[in-house]
């Protein structure tokens, strides 16, 4: 499945360079899961090295300190696209450890979790 440079670099650099929808899209594709927000850091960590193995040239990308704002990010990404390309055919992970989202939330917080189920 194809994803844009911003989505791939978000995972490989740890800097948000795409929309949250794009981030969910690539991470759900790679993990084969339907991730909740609190699971994104674990999924990103699991996907970083496999993405760099698929696209090793992206390891050299350095996001400038202080880069912020949608217009600035989009302008910087346009410059990077001329060097690295715009879309990437991303392979899913070979293995992903699914954890129930509520169980994982309980594991990462010291607060009680109250689930509300609505029909």
PDB file of N, CA and C in Angstrom:
ATOM      1  N   UNK A   1       0.849  -1.166   0.000  1.00  0.00           N
ATOM      2  CA  UNK A   1       0.000   0.000   0.000  1.00  0.00           C
ATOM      3  C   UNK A   1       0.903   1.241   0.000  1.00  0.00           C
ATOM      4  N   UNK A   2       0.466   2.273  -0.696  1.00  0.00           N
ATOM      5  CA  UNK A   2       1.294   3.466  -0.846  1.00  0.00           C
ATOM      6  C   UNK A   2       0.949   4.534   0.194  1.00  0.00           C
ATOM      7  N   UNK A   3       2.005   5.164   0.720  1.00  0.00           N
ATOM      8  CA  UNK A   3       1.870   6.253   1.688  1.00  0.00           C
ATOM      9  C   UNK A   3       2.808   7.377   1.291  1.00  0.00           C
ATOM     10  N   UNK A   4       2.450   8.583   1.704  1.00  0.00           N
ATOM     11  CA  UNK A   4       3.257   9.743   1.311  1.00  0.00           C
ATOM     12  C   UNK A   4       4.491   9.897   2.205  1.00  0.00           C
ATOM     13  N   UNK A   5       5.400  10.725   1.731  1.00  0.00           N
ATOM     14  CA  UNK A   5       6.667  10.947   2.424  1.00  0.00           C
ATOM     15  C   UNK A   5       6.442  11.431   3.851  1.00  0.00           C
ATOM     16  N   UNK A   6       5.492  12.335   4.057  1.00  0.00           N
ATOM     17  CA  UNK A   6       5.245  12.857   5.395  1.00  0.00           C
ATOM     18  C   UNK A   6       4.864  11.778   6.389  1.00  0.00           C
ATOM     19  N   UNK A   7       4.041  10.825   5.966  1.00  0.00           N
ATOM     20  CA  UNK A   7       3.634   9.735   6.856  1.00  0.00           C
ATOM     21  C   UNK A   7       4.818   8.839   7.210  1.00  0.00           C
ATOM     22  N   UNK A   8       5.615   8.509   6.208  1.00  0.00           N
ATOM     23  CA  UNK A   8       6.784   7.646   6.451  1.00  0.00           C
ATOM     24  C   UNK A   8       7.790   8.354   7.358  1.00  0.00           C
ATOM     25  N   UNK A   9       8.063   9.625   7.070  1.00  0.00           N
ATOM     26  CA  UNK A   9       9.034  10.366   7.885  1.00  0.00           C
ATOM     27  C   UNK A   9       8.534  10.623   9.299  1.00  0.00           C
ATOM     28  N   UNK A  10       7.231  10.700   9.482  1.00  0.00           N
ATOM     29  CA  UNK A  10       6.699  10.858  10.838  1.00  0.00           C
ATOM     30  C   UNK A  10       7.166   9.699  11.705  1.00  0.00           C
ATOM     31  N   UNK A  11       7.154   8.515  11.144  1.00  0.00           N
ATOM     32  CA  UNK A  11       7.570   7.329  11.907  1.00  0.00           C
ATOM     33  C   UNK A  11       9.090   7.250  12.027  1.00  0.00           C
ATOM     34  N   UNK A  12       9.807   7.546  10.946  1.00  0.00           N
ATOM     35  CA  UNK A  12      11.265   7.372  10.993  1.00  0.00           C
ATOM     36  C   UNK A  12      11.988   8.486  11.723  1.00  0.00           C
ATOM     37  N   UNK A  13      11.355   9.669  11.838  1.00  0.00           N
ATOM     38  CA  UNK A  13      12.016  10.786  12.522  1.00  0.00           C
ATOM     39  C   UNK A  13      11.438  11.077  13.900  1.00  0.00           C
ATOM     40  N   UNK A  14      10.243  10.564  14.170  1.00  0.00           N
ATOM     41  CA  UNK A  14       9.597  10.863  15.444  1.00  0.00           C
ATOM     42  C   UNK A  14       8.992  12.255  15.502  1.00  0.00           C
ATOM     43  N   UNK A  15       8.891  12.932  14.368  1.00  0.00           N
ATOM     44  CA  UNK A  15       8.303  14.273  14.285  1.00  0.00           C
ATOM     45  C   UNK A  15       7.011  14.179  13.484  1.00  0.00           C
ATOM     46  N   UNK A  16       5.951  14.842  13.926  1.00  0.00           N
ATOM     47  CA  UNK A  16       4.666  14.788  13.235  1.00  0.00           C
ATOM     48  C   UNK A  16       4.736  15.627  11.966  1.00  0.00           C
ATOM     49  N   UNK A  17       4.751  14.945  10.812  1.00  0.00           N
ATOM     50  CA  UNK A  17       4.891  15.599   9.514  1.00  0.00           C
ATOM     51  C   UNK A  17       3.736  15.250   8.576  1.00  0.00           C
ATOM     52  N   UNK A  18       2.640  14.756   9.148  1.00  0.00           N
ATOM     53  CA  UNK A  18       1.464  14.377   8.363  1.00  0.00           C
ATOM     54  C   UNK A  18       0.237  14.549   9.240  1.00  0.00           C
ATOM     55  N   UNK A  19      -0.921  14.338   8.659  1.00  0.00           N
ATOM     56  CA  UNK A  19      -2.147  14.403   9.449  1.00  0.00           C
ATOM     57  C   UNK A  19      -2.253  13.157  10.331  1.00  0.00           C
ATOM     58  N   UNK A  20      -3.057  13.247  11.371  1.00  0.00           N
ATOM     59  CA  UNK A  20      -3.263  12.077  12.226  1.00  0.00           C
ATOM     60  C   UNK A  20      -3.940  10.955  11.452  1.00  0.00           C
ATOM     61  N   UNK A  21      -4.821  11.291  10.525  1.00  0.00           N
ATOM     62  CA  UNK A  21      -5.447  10.254   9.690  1.00  0.00           C
ATOM     63  C   UNK A  21      -4.395   9.478   8.904  1.00  0.00           C
ATOM     64  N   UNK A  22      -3.416  10.202   8.351  1.00  0.00           N
ATOM     65  CA  UNK A  22      -2.347   9.540   7.601  1.00  0.00           C
ATOM     66  C   UNK A  22      -1.493   8.671   8.521  1.00  0.00           C
ATOM     67  N   UNK A  23      -1.238   9.157   9.735  1.00  0.00           N
ATOM     68  CA  UNK A  23      -0.450   8.374  10.692  1.00  0.00           C
ATOM     69  C   UNK A  23      -1.186   7.096  11.084  1.00  0.00           C
ATOM     70  N   UNK A  24      -2.462   7.226  11.413  1.00  0.00           N
ATOM     71  CA  UNK A  24      -3.254   6.025  11.707  1.00  0.00           C
ATOM     72  C   UNK A  24      -3.250   5.079  10.511  1.00  0.00           C
ATOM     73  N   UNK A  25      -3.378   5.627   9.304  1.00  0.00           N
ATOM     74  CA  UNK A  25      -3.439   4.787   8.114  1.00  0.00           C
ATOM     75  C   UNK A  25      -2.208   3.923   7.934  1.00  0.00           C
ATOM     76  N   UNK A  26      -1.030   4.539   8.014  1.00  0.00           N
ATOM     77  CA  UNK A  26       0.197   3.777   7.796  1.00  0.00           C
ATOM     78  C   UNK A  26       0.443   2.786   8.936  1.00  0.00           C
ATOM     79  N   UNK A  27       0.194   3.214  10.168  1.00  0.00           N
ATOM     80  CA  UNK A  27       0.437   2.305  11.300  1.00  0.00           C
ATOM     81  C   UNK A  27      -0.568   1.164  11.323  1.00  0.00           C
ATOM     82  N   UNK A  28      -1.824   1.434  11.022  1.00  0.00           N
ATOM     83  CA  UNK A  28      -2.810   0.347  10.949  1.00  0.00           C
ATOM     84  C   UNK A  28      -2.450  -0.629   9.835  1.00  0.00           C
ATOM     85  N   UNK A  29      -1.995  -0.094   8.699  1.00  0.00           N
ATOM     86  CA  UNK A  29      -1.582  -0.962   7.593  1.00  0.00           C
ATOM     87  C   UNK A  29      -0.402  -1.839   8.006  1.00  0.00           C
ATOM     88  N   UNK A  30       0.613  -1.216   8.588  1.00  0.00           N
ATOM     89  CA  UNK A  30       1.816  -1.976   8.922  1.00  0.00           C
ATOM     90  C   UNK A  30       1.570  -3.009  10.012  1.00  0.00           C
ATOM     91  N   UNK A  31       0.748  -2.670  10.995  1.00  0.00           N
ATOM     92  CA  UNK A  31       0.509  -3.597  12.102  1.00  0.00           C
ATOM     93  C   UNK A  31      -0.625  -4.568  11.819  1.00  0.00           C
ATOM     94  N   UNK A  32      -1.496  -4.225  10.877  1.00  0.00           N
ATOM     95  CA  UNK A  32      -2.677  -5.051  10.634  1.00  0.00           C
ATOM     96  C   UNK A  32      -3.695  -4.907  11.746  1.00  0.00           C
ATOM     97  N   UNK A  33      -3.556  -3.865  12.530  1.00  0.00           N
ATOM     98  CA  UNK A  33      -4.390  -3.649  13.713  1.00  0.00           C
ATOM     99  C   UNK A  33      -5.281  -2.431  13.482  1.00  0.00           C
ATOM    100  N   UNK A  34      -6.148  -2.180  14.411  1.00  0.00           N
ATOM    101  CA  UNK A  34      -6.950  -0.961  14.419  1.00  0.00           C
ATOM    102  C   UNK A  34      -6.590  -0.253  15.721  1.00  0.00           C
ATOM    103  N   UNK A  35      -5.581   0.588  15.642  1.00  0.00           N
ATOM    104  CA  UNK A  35      -4.937   1.149  16.826  1.00  0.00           C
ATOM    105  C   UNK A  35      -5.742   2.267  17.477  1.00  0.00           C
ATOM    106  N   UNK A  36      -5.597   2.361  18.789  1.00  0.00           N
ATOM    107  CA  UNK A  36      -6.129   3.480  19.554  1.00  0.00           C
ATOM    108  C   UNK A  36      -4.977   4.471  19.745  1.00  0.00           C
ATOM    109  N   UNK A  37      -5.306   5.696  20.083  1.00  0.00           N
ATOM    110  CA  UNK A  37      -4.307   6.764  20.190  1.00  0.00           C
ATOM    111  C   UNK A  37      -3.135   6.395  21.094  1.00  0.00           C
ATOM    112  N   UNK A  38      -3.432   5.818  22.242  1.00  0.00           N
ATOM    113  CA  UNK A  38      -2.353   5.504  23.183  1.00  0.00           C
ATOM    114  C   UNK A  38      -1.450   4.379  22.683  1.00  0.00           C
ATOM    115  N   UNK A  39      -1.834   3.694  21.602  1.00  0.00           N
ATOM    116  CA  UNK A  39      -1.013   2.624  21.041  1.00  0.00           C
ATOM    117  C   UNK A  39      -0.077   3.121  19.937  1.00  0.00           C
ATOM    118  N   UNK A  40      -0.255   4.360  19.494  1.00  0.00           N
ATOM    119  CA  UNK A  40       0.560   4.877  18.396  1.00  0.00           C
ATOM    120  C   UNK A  40       2.059   4.900  18.707  1.00  0.00           C
ATOM    121  N   UNK A  41       2.476   5.314  19.910  1.00  0.00           N
ATOM    122  CA  UNK A  41       3.928   5.300  20.174  1.00  0.00           C
ATOM    123  C   UNK A  41       4.549   3.904  20.073  1.00  0.00           C
ATOM    124  N   UNK A  42       3.868   2.893  20.597  1.00  0.00           N
ATOM    125  CA  UNK A  42       4.405   1.526  20.532  1.00  0.00           C
ATOM    126  C   UNK A  42       4.455   1.045  19.083  1.00  0.00           C
ATOM    127  N   UNK A  43       3.409   1.351  18.333  1.00  0.00           N
ATOM    128  CA  UNK A  43       3.375   0.953  16.921  1.00  0.00           C
ATOM    129  C   UNK A  43       4.454   1.692  16.126  1.00  0.00           C
ATOM    130  N   UNK A  44       4.615   2.979  16.376  1.00  0.00           N
ATOM    131  CA  UNK A  44       5.648   3.750  15.676  1.00  0.00           C
ATOM    132  C   UNK A  44       7.029   3.188  15.945  1.00  0.00           C
ATOM    133  N   UNK A  45       7.275   2.853  17.179  1.00  0.00           N
ATOM    134  CA  UNK A  45       8.575   2.274  17.543  1.00  0.00           C
ATOM    135  C   UNK A  45       8.795   0.944  16.821  1.00  0.00           C
ATOM    136  N   UNK A  46       7.748   0.123  16.755  1.00  0.00           N
ATOM    137  CA  UNK A  46       7.872  -1.175  16.087  1.00  0.00           C
ATOM    138  C   UNK A  46       8.060  -1.022  14.574  1.00  0.00           C
ATOM    139  N   UNK A  47       7.544   0.045  13.998  1.00  0.00           N
ATOM    140  CA  UNK A  47       7.580   0.238  12.546  1.00  0.00           C
ATOM    141  C   UNK A  47       8.808   0.993  12.054  1.00  0.00           C
ATOM    142  N   UNK A  48       9.481   1.716  12.934  1.00  0.00           N
ATOM    143  CA  UNK A  48      10.596   2.562  12.510  1.00  0.00           C
ATOM    144  C   UNK A  48      11.692   1.782  11.784  1.00  0.00           C
ATOM    145  N   UNK A  49      12.250   0.767  12.406  1.00  0.00           N
ATOM    146  CA  UNK A  49      13.354   0.028  11.784  1.00  0.00           C
ATOM    147  C   UNK A  49      12.930  -0.704  10.516  1.00  0.00           C
ATOM    148  N   UNK A  50      11.763  -1.350  10.495  1.00  0.00           N
ATOM    149  CA  UNK A  50      11.346  -1.969   9.231  1.00  0.00           C
ATOM    150  C   UNK A  50      11.171  -0.953   8.094  1.00  0.00           C
ATOM    151  N   UNK A  51      10.682   0.235   8.405  1.00  0.00           N
ATOM    152  CA  UNK A  51      10.566   1.257   7.358  1.00  0.00           C
ATOM    153  C   UNK A  51      11.941   1.680   6.852  1.00  0.00           C
ATOM    154  N   UNK A  52      12.878   1.871   7.766  1.00  0.00           N
ATOM    155  CA  UNK A  52      14.238   2.253   7.347  1.00  0.00           C
ATOM    156  C   UNK A  52      14.920   1.122   6.585  1.00  0.00           C
ATOM    157  N   UNK A  53      14.577  -0.124   6.898  1.00  0.00           N
ATOM    158  CA  UNK A  53      15.119  -1.248   6.132  1.00  0.00           C
ATOM    159  C   UNK A  53      14.545  -1.247   4.710  1.00  0.00           C
ATOM    160  N   UNK A  54      13.277  -0.884   4.575  1.00  0.00           N
ATOM    161  CA  UNK A  54      12.654  -0.812   3.250  1.00  0.00           C
ATOM    162  C   UNK A  54      13.172   0.382   2.450  1.00  0.00           C
ATOM    163  N   UNK A  55      13.430   1.489   3.142  1.00  0.00           N
ATOM    164  CA  UNK A  55      13.825   2.738   2.491  1.00  0.00           C
ATOM    165  C   UNK A  55      15.044   3.334   3.202  1.00  0.00           C
ATOM    166  N   UNK A  56      16.218   2.698   3.053  1.00  0.00           N
ATOM    167  CA  UNK A  56      17.398   3.098   3.835  1.00  0.00           C
ATOM    168  C   UNK A  56      17.849   4.537   3.606  1.00  0.00           C
ATOM    169  N   UNK A  57      17.597   5.096   2.455  1.00  0.00           N
ATOM    170  CA  UNK A  57      18.021   6.473   2.175  1.00  0.00           C
ATOM    171  C   UNK A  57      17.338   7.460   3.120  1.00  0.00           C
ATOM    172  N   UNK A  58      16.162   7.106   3.644  1.00  0.00           N
ATOM    173  CA  UNK A  58      15.440   8.005   4.544  1.00  0.00           C
ATOM    174  C   UNK A  58      16.131   8.159   5.900  1.00  0.00           C
ATOM    175  N   UNK A  59      17.092   7.300   6.208  1.00  0.00           N
ATOM    176  CA  UNK A  59      17.815   7.410   7.479  1.00  0.00           C
ATOM    177  C   UNK A  59      18.621   8.705   7.544  1.00  0.00           C
ATOM    178  N   UNK A  60      18.946   9.275   6.399  1.00  0.00           N
ATOM    179  CA  UNK A  60      19.748  10.503   6.382  1.00  0.00           C
ATOM    180  C   UNK A  60      18.910  11.769   6.581  1.00  0.00           C
ATOM    181  N   UNK A  61      17.596  11.648   6.566  1.00  0.00           N
ATOM    182  CA  UNK A  61      16.737  12.827   6.683  1.00  0.00           C
ATOM    183  C   UNK A  61      16.799  13.390   8.098  1.00  0.00           C
ATOM    184  N   UNK A  62      17.085  14.678   8.184  1.00  0.00           N
ATOM    185  CA  UNK A  62      17.112  15.395   9.452  1.00  0.00           C
ATOM    186  C   UNK A  62      16.063  16.503   9.399  1.00  0.00           C
ATOM    187  N   UNK A  63      15.092  16.447  10.294  1.00  0.00           N
ATOM    188  CA  UNK A  63      14.078  17.494  10.355  1.00  0.00           C
ATOM    189  C   UNK A  63      14.694  18.690  11.077  1.00  0.00           C
ATOM    190  N   UNK A  64      14.606  19.871  10.481  1.00  0.00           N
ATOM    191  CA  UNK A  64      15.203  21.045  11.116  1.00  0.00           C
ATOM    192  C   UNK A  64      14.588  21.343  12.486  1.00  0.00           C
ATOM    193  N   UNK A  65      15.424  21.715  13.429  1.00  0.00           N
ATOM    194  CA  UNK A  65      14.925  22.154  14.732  1.00  0.00           C
ATOM    195  C   UNK A  65      14.028  23.361  14.523  1.00  0.00           C
ATOM    196  N   UNK A  66      12.960  23.416  15.265  1.00  0.00           N
ATOM    197  CA  UNK A  66      12.063  24.560  15.194  1.00  0.00           C
ATOM    198  C   UNK A  66      11.075  24.521  14.046  1.00  0.00           C
ATOM    199  N   UNK A  67      11.107  23.482  13.215  1.00  0.00           N
ATOM    200  CA  UNK A  67      10.136  23.388  12.129  1.00  0.00           C
ATOM    201  C   UNK A  67       8.750  23.202  12.729  1.00  0.00           C
ATOM    202  N   UNK A  68       7.866  24.135  12.477  1.00  0.00           N
ATOM    203  CA  UNK A  68       6.511  24.015  13.006  1.00  0.00           C
ATOM    204  C   UNK A  68       5.550  24.797  12.134  1.00  0.00           C
ATOM    205  N   UNK A  69       4.316  24.475  12.262  1.00  0.00           N
ATOM    206  CA  UNK A  69       3.277  25.111  11.466  1.00  0.00           C
ATOM    207  C   UNK A  69       3.054  24.362  10.173  1.00  0.00           C
ATOM    208  N   UNK A  70       1.788  24.240   9.803  1.00  0.00           N
ATOM    209  CA  UNK A  70       1.419  23.461   8.626  1.00  0.00           C
ATOM    210  C   UNK A  70       2.123  23.949   7.366  1.00  0.00           C
ATOM    211  N   UNK A  71       2.148  25.250   7.128  1.00  0.00           N
ATOM    212  CA  UNK A  71       2.762  25.787   5.910  1.00  0.00           C
ATOM    213  C   UNK A  71       4.264  25.498   5.863  1.00  0.00           C
ATOM    214  N   UNK A  72       4.935  25.670   6.983  1.00  0.00           N
ATOM    215  CA  UNK A  72       6.382  25.416   7.030  1.00  0.00           C
ATOM    216  C   UNK A  72       6.689  23.941   6.808  1.00  0.00           C
ATOM    217  N   UNK A  73       5.899  23.074   7.424  1.00  0.00           N
ATOM    218  CA  UNK A  73       6.104  21.631   7.256  1.00  0.00           C
ATOM    219  C   UNK A  73       5.861  21.234   5.806  1.00  0.00           C
ATOM    220  N   UNK A  74       4.775  21.716   5.207  1.00  0.00           N
ATOM    221  CA  UNK A  74       4.477  21.381   3.817  1.00  0.00           C
ATOM    222  C   UNK A  74       5.559  21.885   2.869  1.00  0.00           C
ATOM    223  N   UNK A  75       6.075  23.071   3.111  1.00  0.00           N
ATOM    224  CA  UNK A  75       7.145  23.619   2.277  1.00  0.00           C
ATOM    225  C   UNK A  75       8.410  22.766   2.398  1.00  0.00           C
ATOM    226  N   UNK A  76       8.774  22.394   3.614  1.00  0.00           N
ATOM    227  CA  UNK A  76       9.958  21.557   3.833  1.00  0.00           C
ATOM    228  C   UNK A  76       9.778  20.196   3.170  1.00  0.00           C
ATOM    229  N   UNK A  77       8.559  19.611   3.309  1.00  0.00           N
ATOM    230  CA  UNK A  77       8.309  18.309   2.687  1.00  0.00           C
ATOM    231  C   UNK A  77       8.412  18.383   1.172  1.00  0.00           C
ATOM    232  N   UNK A  78       7.960  19.463   0.565  1.00  0.00           N
ATOM    233  CA  UNK A  78       8.079  19.621  -0.886  1.00  0.00           C
ATOM    234  C   UNK A  78       9.543  19.564  -1.314  1.00  0.00           C
ATOM    235  N   UNK A  79      10.420  20.181  -0.553  1.00  0.00           N
ATOM    236  CA  UNK A  79      11.853  20.134  -0.863  1.00  0.00           C
ATOM    237  C   UNK A  79      12.382  18.706  -0.753  1.00  0.00           C
ATOM    238  N   UNK A  80      11.924  17.979   0.264  1.00  0.00           N
ATOM    239  CA  UNK A  80      12.394  16.615   0.479  1.00  0.00           C
ATOM    240  C   UNK A  80      11.891  15.667  -0.610  1.00  0.00           C
ATOM    241  N   UNK A  81      10.696  15.928  -1.125  1.00  0.00           N
ATOM    242  CA  UNK A  81      10.121  15.071  -2.173  1.00  0.00           C
ATOM    243  C   UNK A  81      10.990  15.069  -3.422  1.00  0.00           C
ATOM    244  N   UNK A  82      11.639  16.178  -3.705  1.00  0.00           N
ATOM    245  CA  UNK A  82      12.509  16.229  -4.885  1.00  0.00           C
ATOM    246  C   UNK A  82      13.741  15.353  -4.721  1.00  0.00           C
ATOM    247  N   UNK A  83      14.109  15.058  -3.486  1.00  0.00           N
ATOM    248  CA  UNK A  83      15.275  14.215  -3.204  1.00  0.00           C
ATOM    249  C   UNK A  83      14.874  12.755  -2.998  1.00  0.00           C
ATOM    250  N   UNK A  84      13.811  12.522  -2.221  1.00  0.00           N
ATOM    251  CA  UNK A  84      13.467  11.171  -1.784  1.00  0.00           C
ATOM    252  C   UNK A  84      12.243  10.574  -2.465  1.00  0.00           C
ATOM    253  N   UNK A  85      11.447  11.390  -3.139  1.00  0.00           N
ATOM    254  CA  UNK A  85      10.221  10.906  -3.756  1.00  0.00           C
ATOM    255  C   UNK A  85       9.022  11.258  -2.899  1.00  0.00           C
ATOM    256  N   UNK A  86       7.837  11.019  -3.451  1.00  0.00           N
ATOM    257  CA  UNK A  86       6.612  11.427  -2.783  1.00  0.00           C
ATOM    258  C   UNK A  86       5.835  10.274  -2.158  1.00  0.00           C
ATOM    259  N   UNK A  87       5.829   9.121  -2.812  1.00  0.00           N
ATOM    260  CA  UNK A  87       5.050   7.992  -2.283  1.00  0.00           C
ATOM    261  C   UNK A  87       5.928   6.762  -2.146  1.00  0.00           C
ATOM    262  N   UNK A  88       5.549   5.937  -1.183  1.00  0.00           N
ATOM    263  CA  UNK A  88       6.334   4.753  -0.849  1.00  0.00           C
ATOM    264  C   UNK A  88       5.400   3.560  -0.687  1.00  0.00           C
ATOM    265  N   UNK A  89       5.754   2.466  -1.330  1.00  0.00           N
ATOM    266  CA  UNK A  89       4.988   1.224  -1.229  1.00  0.00           C
ATOM    267  C   UNK A  89       5.441   0.505   0.040  1.00  0.00           C
ATOM    268  N   UNK A  90       4.662   0.665   1.098  1.00  0.00           N
ATOM    269  CA  UNK A  90       5.040   0.203   2.436  1.00  0.00           C
ATOM    270  C   UNK A  90       4.528  -1.217   2.683  1.00  0.00           C
ATOM    271  N   UNK A  91       5.440  -2.076   3.115  1.00  0.00           N
ATOM    272  CA  UNK A  91       5.079  -3.456   3.443  1.00  0.00           C
ATOM    273  C   UNK A  91       4.628  -3.551   4.895  1.00  0.00           C
ATOM    274  N   UNK A  92       3.660  -4.427   5.170  1.00  0.00           N
ATOM    275  CA  UNK A  92       3.256  -4.652   6.569  1.00  0.00           C
ATOM    276  C   UNK A  92       4.385  -5.316   7.357  1.00  0.00           C
ATOM    277  N   UNK A  93       4.302  -5.189   8.674  1.00  0.00           N
ATOM    278  CA  UNK A  93       5.258  -5.884   9.541  1.00  0.00           C
ATOM    279  C   UNK A  93       5.081  -7.378   9.389  1.00  0.00           C
ATOM    280  N   UNK A  94       6.171  -8.109   9.560  1.00  0.00           N
ATOM    281  CA  UNK A  94       6.083  -9.561   9.539  1.00  0.00           C
ATOM    282  C   UNK A  94       5.440 -10.087  10.825  1.00  0.00           C
ATOM    283  N   UNK A  95       5.623  -9.346  11.907  1.00  0.00           N
ATOM    284  CA  UNK A  95       5.044  -9.759  13.187  1.00  0.00           C
ATOM    285  C   UNK A  95       4.661  -8.513  13.984  1.00  0.00           C
ATOM    286  N   UNK A  96       3.516  -8.558  14.595  1.00  0.00           N
ATOM    287  CA  UNK A  96       3.031  -7.475  15.450  1.00  0.00           C
ATOM    288  C   UNK A  96       2.324  -8.115  16.620  1.00  0.00           C
ATOM    289  N   UNK A  97       2.630  -7.655  17.810  1.00  0.00           N
ATOM    290  CA  UNK A  97       1.997  -8.187  19.017  1.00  0.00           C
ATOM    291  C   UNK A  97       0.748  -7.364  19.328  1.00  0.00           C
ATOM    292  N   UNK A  98      -0.413  -7.935  18.991  1.00  0.00           N
ATOM    293  CA  UNK A  98      -1.675  -7.251  19.292  1.00  0.00           C
ATOM    294  C   UNK A  98      -1.920  -7.291  20.798  1.00  0.00           C
ATOM    295  N   UNK A  99      -2.301  -6.143  21.336  1.00  0.00           N
ATOM    296  CA  UNK A  99      -2.704  -6.047  22.732  1.00  0.00           C
ATOM    297  C   UNK A  99      -4.066  -5.372  22.746  1.00  0.00           C
ATOM    298  N   UNK A 100      -4.995  -5.933  23.496  1.00  0.00           N
ATOM    299  CA  UNK A 100      -6.308  -5.306  23.622  1.00  0.00           C
ATOM    300  C   UNK A 100      -6.098  -3.857  24.061  1.00  0.00           C
ATOM    301  N   UNK A 101      -6.720  -2.904  23.373  1.00  0.00           N
ATOM    302  CA  UNK A 101      -6.483  -1.490  23.683  1.00  0.00           C
ATOM    303  C   UNK A 101      -6.788  -1.108  25.131  1.00  0.00           C
ATOM    304  N   UNK A 102      -7.837  -1.659  25.699  1.00  0.00           N
ATOM    305  CA  UNK A 102      -8.159  -1.321  27.089  1.00  0.00           C
ATOM    306  C   UNK A 102      -7.165  -1.952  28.055  1.00  0.00           C
ATOM    307  N   UNK A 103      -6.741  -3.173  27.776  1.00  0.00           N
ATOM    308  CA  UNK A 103      -5.709  -3.788  28.614  1.00  0.00           C
ATOM    309  C   UNK A 103      -4.412  -2.992  28.558  1.00  0.00           C
ATOM    310  N   UNK A 104      -4.057  -2.523  27.368  1.00  0.00           N
ATOM    311  CA  UNK A 104      -2.830  -1.733  27.224  1.00  0.00           C
ATOM    312  C   UNK A 104      -2.952  -0.396  27.960  1.00  0.00           C
ATOM    313  N   UNK A 105      -4.118   0.205  27.909  1.00  0.00           N
ATOM    314  CA  UNK A 105      -4.332   1.466  28.621  1.00  0.00           C
ATOM    315  C   UNK A 105      -4.171   1.261  30.118  1.00  0.00           C
ATOM    316  N   UNK A 106      -4.708   0.174  30.633  1.00  0.00           N
ATOM    317  CA  UNK A 106      -4.557  -0.139  32.055  1.00  0.00           C
ATOM    318  C   UNK A 106      -3.081  -0.303  32.398  1.00  0.00           C
ATOM    319  N   UNK A 107      -2.330  -0.953  31.520  1.00  0.00           N
ATOM    320  CA  UNK A 107      -0.904  -1.195  31.767  1.00  0.00           C
ATOM    321  C   UNK A 107      -0.064   0.081  31.776  1.00  0.00           C
ATOM    322  N   UNK A 108      -0.477   1.106  31.004  1.00  0.00           N
ATOM    323  CA  UNK A 108       0.375   2.292  30.901  1.00  0.00           C
ATOM    324  C   UNK A 108      -0.063   3.449  31.790  1.00  0.00           C
ATOM    325  N   UNK A 109      -1.141   3.286  32.518  1.00  0.00           N
ATOM    326  CA  UNK A 109      -1.595   4.368  33.398  1.00  0.00           C
ATOM    327  C   UNK A 109      -1.733   3.850  34.821  1.00  0.00           C
ATOM    328  N   UNK A 110      -1.597   4.762  35.758  1.00  0.00           N
ATOM    329  CA  UNK A 110      -1.796   4.365  37.150  1.00  0.00           C
ATOM    330  C   UNK A 110      -3.175   4.799  37.642  1.00  0.00           C
ATOM    331  N   UNK A 111      -4.007   5.225  36.693  1.00  0.00           N
ATOM    332  CA  UNK A 111      -5.368   5.645  37.023  1.00  0.00           C
ATOM    333  C   UNK A 111      -6.344   4.544  36.653  1.00  0.00           C
ATOM    334  N   UNK A 112      -7.468   4.464  37.371  1.00  0.00           N
ATOM    335  CA  UNK A 112      -8.474   3.471  36.982  1.00  0.00           C
ATOM    336  C   UNK A 112      -9.060   3.816  35.617  1.00  0.00           C
ATOM    337  N   UNK A 113      -9.352   2.790  34.841  1.00  0.00           N
ATOM    338  CA  UNK A 113      -9.956   2.967  33.532  1.00  0.00           C
ATOM    339  C   UNK A 113     -11.408   2.528  33.608  1.00  0.00           C
ATOM    340  N   UNK A 114     -12.299   3.434  33.240  1.00  0.00           N
ATOM    341  CA  UNK A 114     -13.723   3.132  33.267  1.00  0.00           C
ATOM    342  C   UNK A 114     -14.195   3.130  31.818  1.00  0.00           C
ATOM    343  N   UNK A 115     -14.596   1.975  31.348  1.00  0.00           N
ATOM    344  CA  UNK A 115     -15.051   1.841  29.960  1.00  0.00           C
ATOM    345  C   UNK A 115     -16.554   2.003  29.908  1.00  0.00           C
ATOM    346  N   UNK A 116     -17.016   2.782  28.957  1.00  0.00           N
ATOM    347  CA  UNK A 116     -18.446   2.960  28.719  1.00  0.00           C
ATOM    348  C   UNK A 116     -18.759   2.338  27.371  1.00  0.00           C
ATOM    349  N   UNK A 117     -19.690   1.405  27.358  1.00  0.00           N
ATOM    350  CA  UNK A 117     -20.090   0.738  26.131  1.00  0.00           C
ATOM    351  C   UNK A 117     -21.447   1.264  25.713  1.00  0.00           C
ATOM    352  N   UNK A 118     -21.539   1.740  24.486  1.00  0.00           N
ATOM    353  CA  UNK A 118     -22.774   2.304  23.983  1.00  0.00           C
ATOM    354  C   UNK A 118     -23.220   1.517  22.767  1.00  0.00           C
ATOM    355  N   UNK A 119     -24.487   1.143  22.719  1.00  0.00           N
ATOM    356  CA  UNK A 119     -25.007   0.434  21.540  1.00  0.00           C
ATOM    357  C   UNK A 119     -25.146   1.378  20.380  1.00  0.00           C
TER     358      UNK A 119
END
